[in-house]
Amino acid sequence: MLFVVQWDMAGNSRRALDTWLRAARVAPAGGYAALGVDLARFAGAQPALEKLQSLVAGEKDARRAGSIAAEAARASLAIGAPGRALELAETALAKNPLVADAIEIAERGALAAGRVRELSRVYDSLGAIA
């Protein structure tokens, strides 16, 4: 709730984002999903996508980067960029194959973008890891 106060009442979006990130990192599960939803709700889908993409690029921990990339993929679907959603879902799975919902996002993105054949690459990558 602190981030809501910082975002809405204080108009301090940078501080709110820092608070969201700290909360996402310490959450036992679903922290980055909540971050993605909250960013989209408060900033809009396009700014949320841009911020999530920059977080993926700067994240050194592969598991975290994968979780963030999955949320960026979800935001891409929300703004009508299914091809980008597919690419971000692939990134998510490459960095953290345990982000299972990234498979569904990849499938939805591929279908909507007319790039279903590219799913073979996603499945092959996952198969190689298993």
Protein backbone atom coordinates (compact mmCIF):
# COMPACT_ATOMS: atom_id res chain seq x y z
CA MET A 1 0.00 0.00 0.00
CA LEU A 2 2.92 2.35 0.54
CA PHE A 3 3.55 2.48 -3.20
CA VAL A 4 -0.05 3.58 -3.80
CA VAL A 5 0.39 6.49 -1.41
CA GLN A 6 3.71 7.39 -3.00
CA TRP A 7 2.31 7.17 -6.52
CA ASP A 8 -1.08 8.82 -6.04
CA MET A 9 -0.76 11.18 -3.13
CA ALA A 10 2.87 12.21 -3.21
CA GLY A 11 3.23 12.01 -6.97
CA ASN A 12 6.55 10.27 -6.50
CA SER A 13 6.49 7.50 -9.11
CA ARG A 14 10.22 6.78 -8.79
CA ARG A 15 9.96 6.13 -5.08
CA ALA A 16 6.80 4.09 -5.62
CA LEU A 17 8.62 1.92 -8.17
CA ASP A 18 11.51 1.35 -5.75
CA THR A 19 8.98 0.24 -3.13
CA TRP A 20 7.24 -2.08 -5.62
CA LEU A 21 10.57 -3.62 -6.59
CA ARG A 22 11.57 -4.27 -2.99
CA ALA A 23 8.19 -5.89 -2.35
CA ALA A 24 8.47 -8.03 -5.50
CA ARG A 25 11.92 -9.26 -4.51
CA VAL A 26 10.91 -10.37 -1.02
CA ALA A 27 7.52 -11.83 -1.90
CA PRO A 28 7.56 -15.62 -1.55
CA ALA A 29 5.66 -16.02 -4.83
CA GLY A 30 3.93 -13.82 -7.36
CA GLY A 31 5.82 -10.65 -6.52
CA TYR A 32 6.68 -9.78 -10.09
CA ALA A 33 3.19 -10.65 -11.28
CA ALA A 34 1.82 -8.16 -8.76
CA LEU A 35 4.41 -5.61 -9.88
CA GLY A 36 3.33 -6.00 -13.50
CA VAL A 37 -0.36 -5.66 -12.68
CA ASP A 38 0.19 -2.64 -10.44
CA LEU A 39 2.43 -0.89 -12.94
CA ALA A 40 -0.12 -1.41 -15.69
CA ARG A 41 -2.93 -0.16 -13.45
CA PHE A 42 -1.13 2.98 -12.30
CA ALA A 43 1.08 3.86 -15.27
CA GLY A 44 -0.68 2.15 -18.18
CA ALA A 45 0.25 -0.93 -20.19
CA GLN A 46 2.81 0.71 -22.49
CA PRO A 47 4.81 2.44 -19.73
CA ALA A 48 4.60 -0.75 -17.66
CA LEU A 49 6.02 -2.75 -20.57
CA GLU A 50 8.85 -0.26 -21.07
CA LYS A 51 9.75 -0.31 -17.39
CA LEU A 52 9.59 -4.09 -17.15
CA GLN A 53 11.82 -4.45 -20.22
CA SER A 54 14.40 -2.12 -18.69
CA LEU A 55 14.26 -4.14 -15.46
CA VAL A 56 14.89 -7.37 -17.38
CA ALA A 57 17.89 -5.83 -19.11
CA GLY A 58 19.38 -4.65 -15.83
CA GLU A 59 18.65 -7.71 -13.69
CA LYS A 60 21.70 -9.86 -12.96
CA ASP A 61 19.80 -12.73 -11.33
CA ALA A 62 18.52 -14.96 -14.14
CA ARG A 63 15.54 -16.29 -12.19
CA ARG A 64 14.38 -12.79 -11.35
CA ALA A 65 14.98 -11.61 -14.91
CA GLY A 66 12.88 -14.50 -16.18
CA SER A 67 10.01 -13.65 -13.87
CA ILE A 68 10.12 -10.01 -14.90
CA ALA A 69 10.33 -10.93 -18.59
CA ALA A 70 7.17 -13.03 -18.21
CA GLU A 71 5.34 -10.00 -16.85
CA ALA A 72 6.70 -7.87 -19.70
CA ALA A 73 5.36 -10.50 -22.10
CA ARG A 74 1.96 -10.29 -20.42
CA ALA A 75 2.03 -6.49 -20.77
CA SER A 76 2.89 -6.90 -24.46
CA LEU A 77 -0.25 -8.95 -24.96
CA ALA A 78 -2.24 -6.27 -23.17
CA ILE A 79 -1.10 -3.55 -25.57
CA GLY A 80 -1.68 -5.67 -28.65
CA ALA A 81 1.93 -6.59 -29.40
CA PRO A 82 1.72 -10.38 -29.60
CA GLY A 83 4.99 -10.83 -31.49
CA ARG A 84 6.85 -8.98 -28.77
CA ALA A 85 4.98 -11.07 -26.18
CA LEU A 86 6.28 -14.23 -27.85
CA GLU A 87 9.86 -12.91 -27.82
CA LEU A 88 9.67 -11.81 -24.18
CA ALA A 89 8.13 -15.13 -23.16
CA GLU A 90 11.06 -16.89 -24.87
CA THR A 91 13.44 -14.68 -22.93
CA ALA A 92 11.59 -15.49 -19.71
CA LEU A 93 11.85 -19.23 -20.31
CA ALA A 94 15.51 -19.04 -21.33
CA LYS A 95 16.37 -17.20 -18.14
CA ASN A 96 14.02 -19.10 -15.82
CA PRO A 97 12.38 -22.24 -17.22
CA LEU A 98 10.30 -22.49 -14.04
CA VAL A 99 8.13 -19.55 -15.13
CA ALA A 100 5.44 -21.88 -16.44
CA ASP A 101 2.91 -19.21 -17.39
CA ALA A 102 5.42 -17.89 -19.92
CA ILE A 103 4.61 -20.97 -22.04
CA GLU A 104 0.97 -19.93 -22.28
CA ILE A 105 1.95 -16.35 -23.05
CA ALA A 106 4.30 -17.58 -25.81
CA GLU A 107 1.51 -19.68 -27.28
CA ARG A 108 -1.02 -16.85 -27.18
CA GLY A 109 1.49 -14.42 -28.68
CA ALA A 110 2.51 -16.82 -31.43
CA LEU A 111 -1.08 -17.56 -32.35
CA ALA A 112 -2.11 -13.90 -32.42
CA ALA A 113 1.00 -12.88 -34.39
CA GLY A 114 0.69 -15.70 -36.90
CA ARG A 115 4.02 -17.12 -35.77
CA VAL A 116 2.91 -20.55 -34.53
CA ARG A 117 5.85 -22.30 -36.19
CA GLU A 118 8.19 -20.45 -33.85
CA LEU A 119 6.73 -22.36 -30.93
CA SER A 120 8.81 -25.36 -31.99
CA ARG A 121 11.88 -23.40 -30.93
CA VAL A 122 10.27 -22.68 -27.54
CA TYR A 123 9.37 -26.33 -27.00
CA ASP A 124 12.79 -27.53 -28.18
CA SER A 125 14.52 -25.18 -25.74
CA LEU A 126 12.39 -26.41 -22.86
CA GLY A 127 12.93 -30.01 -23.88
CA ALA A 128 16.68 -29.52 -23.89
CA ILE A 129 16.56 -28.15 -20.36
CA ALA A 130 14.36 -30.97 -19.03
